[in-house]
């Protein structure tokens, strides 16, 4: 599955869309403005919530919880070591490594890729592409990408 998100459209109170390769809207995301911590809702085009993302407040490093059908499926934690950062996705057994500010990274389940994220320079606007591998949980992968995007935005605004 190949999806696209326009870069720099991310604001917490707005709605933005996730598109396929033919520029057709596939999902939309809405953020909550007046909430304690960051909160996002991922919906299908019929308005059914597919995932809910909530920031864990009072955490030294960014942590986000991903929920589906009211149950937590994952906690995404930004990890930092000397001159290196990555994300661990507890609950799914995934790791995310790469150049996050450049939107060039890979989500992996052990040695198996789950999704690749890369910036596309000559597409319909500044966008980044998410290529989700066959058999992977596309909604969970998209939710992880949204968490990383939120972390990048928070770091740029600090």
Protein backbone atom coordinates (compact mmCIF):
# COMPACT_ATOMS: atom_id res chain seq x y z
CA UNK A 1 0.00 0.00 0.00
CA UNK A 2 1.35 3.38 -1.00
CA UNK A 3 0.15 6.49 0.87
CA UNK A 4 1.07 10.18 0.80
CA UNK A 5 0.88 12.94 3.41
CA UNK A 6 1.56 16.56 2.58
CA UNK A 7 4.43 17.88 4.66
CA UNK A 8 3.88 20.85 6.94
CA UNK A 9 0.10 20.54 6.91
CA UNK A 10 0.22 19.15 10.41
CA UNK A 11 -1.55 21.30 12.98
CA UNK A 12 -3.28 19.89 16.00
CA UNK A 13 -6.65 21.53 15.53
CA UNK A 14 -7.02 20.93 11.84
CA UNK A 15 -8.10 18.07 9.66
CA UNK A 16 -5.75 16.75 7.00
CA UNK A 17 -5.97 13.89 4.55
CA UNK A 18 -3.89 10.88 3.62
CA UNK A 19 -3.88 10.11 -0.11
CA UNK A 20 -3.10 7.18 -2.37
CA UNK A 21 -0.77 7.32 -5.40
CA UNK A 22 -3.62 8.61 -7.60
CA UNK A 23 -4.22 11.54 -5.20
CA UNK A 24 -7.47 10.05 -3.91
CA UNK A 25 -8.24 10.62 -0.25
CA UNK A 26 -8.01 7.34 1.68
CA UNK A 27 -8.07 8.48 5.33
CA UNK A 28 -8.29 11.69 7.28
CA UNK A 29 -6.77 12.79 10.56
CA UNK A 30 -8.20 15.23 13.09
CA UNK A 31 -6.35 16.69 16.03
CA UNK A 32 -7.79 17.94 19.30
CA UNK A 33 -7.01 21.56 20.09
CA UNK A 34 -7.95 22.02 23.72
CA UNK A 35 -6.60 18.87 25.28
CA UNK A 36 -3.91 18.01 27.77
CA UNK A 37 -1.19 16.49 25.60
CA UNK A 38 -1.41 15.81 21.88
CA UNK A 39 -4.32 13.74 20.59
CA UNK A 40 -5.08 12.56 17.06
CA UNK A 41 -7.90 10.56 15.53
CA UNK A 42 -7.45 8.55 12.30
CA UNK A 43 -10.68 7.98 10.37
CA UNK A 44 -11.77 6.17 7.25
CA UNK A 45 -13.80 8.08 4.66
CA UNK A 46 -17.06 6.96 6.30
CA UNK A 47 -16.07 8.68 9.55
CA UNK A 48 -15.27 5.47 11.43
CA UNK A 49 -12.36 5.90 13.84
CA UNK A 50 -9.57 3.49 12.93
CA UNK A 51 -6.99 4.61 15.51
CA UNK A 52 -6.67 7.08 18.35
CA UNK A 53 -3.26 8.49 19.32
CA UNK A 54 -2.59 10.09 22.70
CA UNK A 55 0.61 11.64 24.00
CA UNK A 56 1.79 10.54 27.42
CA UNK A 57 2.29 13.77 29.32
CA UNK A 58 5.04 14.39 31.87
CA UNK A 59 7.49 12.15 30.08
CA UNK A 60 11.14 13.12 29.59
CA UNK A 61 11.20 11.77 26.03
CA UNK A 62 8.13 11.74 23.79
CA UNK A 63 5.82 8.76 24.31
CA UNK A 64 2.55 8.14 22.54
CA UNK A 65 -0.11 5.48 22.97
CA UNK A 66 -2.00 4.06 19.99
CA UNK A 67 -5.50 2.69 20.52
CA UNK A 68 -7.81 0.67 18.28
CA UNK A 69 -11.38 -0.11 19.22
CA UNK A 70 -10.74 1.33 22.69
CA UNK A 71 -7.77 -0.94 23.46
CA UNK A 72 -4.14 0.09 23.50
CA UNK A 73 -2.17 -1.72 20.80
CA UNK A 74 1.15 0.08 21.08
CA UNK A 75 3.30 2.62 22.87
CA UNK A 76 5.74 4.55 20.68
CA UNK A 77 8.82 5.78 22.54
CA UNK A 78 11.59 7.97 21.15
CA UNK A 79 14.95 6.52 22.17
CA UNK A 80 18.19 8.49 22.22
CA UNK A 81 21.81 7.38 22.41
CA UNK A 82 24.94 9.34 21.68
CA UNK A 83 24.43 10.98 18.24
CA UNK A 84 21.60 8.61 17.35
CA UNK A 85 17.86 8.42 17.82
CA UNK A 86 15.27 5.79 16.99
CA UNK A 87 11.78 4.80 18.05
CA UNK A 88 10.61 1.62 19.73
CA UNK A 89 7.02 0.49 19.20
CA UNK A 90 6.18 -1.55 22.29
CA UNK A 91 3.27 -3.92 21.83
CA UNK A 92 4.01 -4.52 18.14
CA UNK A 93 7.70 -5.36 18.45
CA UNK A 94 8.66 -2.75 15.86
CA UNK A 95 11.69 -0.45 15.67
CA UNK A 96 11.98 2.70 13.57
CA UNK A 97 15.35 3.99 12.34
CA UNK A 98 16.55 6.57 9.85
CA UNK A 99 16.60 10.31 9.19
CA UNK A 100 13.42 11.50 10.90
CA UNK A 101 13.64 15.22 10.18
CA UNK A 102 14.17 14.39 6.50
CA UNK A 103 11.28 11.92 6.48
CA UNK A 104 13.57 9.09 5.37
CA UNK A 105 13.12 6.14 7.71
CA UNK A 106 12.08 2.50 7.97
CA UNK A 107 9.71 0.71 10.33
CA UNK A 108 10.88 -2.86 10.97
CA UNK A 109 9.63 -5.93 12.74
CA UNK A 110 12.96 -7.58 13.49
CA UNK A 111 14.65 -7.99 10.10
CA UNK A 112 11.39 -7.62 8.17
CA UNK A 113 10.41 -4.19 6.86
CA UNK A 114 6.90 -3.02 7.75
CA UNK A 115 6.98 0.36 5.99
CA UNK A 116 9.33 2.78 4.30
CA UNK A 117 8.88 6.54 4.61
CA UNK A 118 10.60 8.93 2.23
CA UNK A 119 10.27 12.53 1.16
CA UNK A 120 9.13 13.08 -2.39
CA UNK A 121 10.51 16.25 -3.93
CA UNK A 122 8.81 16.35 -7.31
CA UNK A 123 5.28 15.28 -6.49
CA UNK A 124 2.05 17.21 -6.07
CA UNK A 125 3.44 19.50 -3.36
CA UNK A 126 5.90 18.79 -0.57
CA UNK A 127 4.86 15.32 0.47
CA UNK A 128 6.24 12.22 2.01
CA UNK A 129 5.49 8.74 0.81
CA UNK A 130 4.65 5.78 3.04
CA UNK A 131 5.07 2.38 1.42
CA UNK A 132 3.49 -0.27 3.64
CA UNK A 133 4.58 -3.82 2.88
CA UNK A 134 2.03 -6.50 1.93
CA UNK A 135 0.66 -8.28 4.97
CA UNK A 136 1.66 -5.48 7.37
CA UNK A 137 -0.92 -3.76 9.57
CA UNK A 138 -1.45 -0.61 7.49
CA UNK A 139 -3.44 1.26 10.15
CA UNK A 140 -0.85 0.61 12.87
CA UNK A 141 1.97 1.60 10.50
CA UNK A 142 0.17 4.82 9.53
CA UNK A 143 -0.44 5.59 13.22
CA UNK A 144 3.28 5.16 13.96
CA UNK A 145 4.13 7.53 11.09
CA UNK A 146 1.68 10.08 12.53
CA UNK A 147 3.35 9.78 15.95
CA UNK A 148 6.79 10.37 14.44
CA UNK A 149 5.43 13.35 12.50
CA UNK A 150 4.04 14.75 15.77
CA UNK A 151 7.42 14.28 17.47
CA UNK A 152 9.19 16.08 14.61
CA UNK A 153 6.72 18.98 14.83
CA UNK A 154 7.15 19.23 18.61
CA UNK A 155 10.96 19.27 18.26
CA UNK A 156 10.80 21.99 15.61
CA UNK A 157 8.54 24.14 17.78
CA UNK A 158 10.76 23.87 20.88
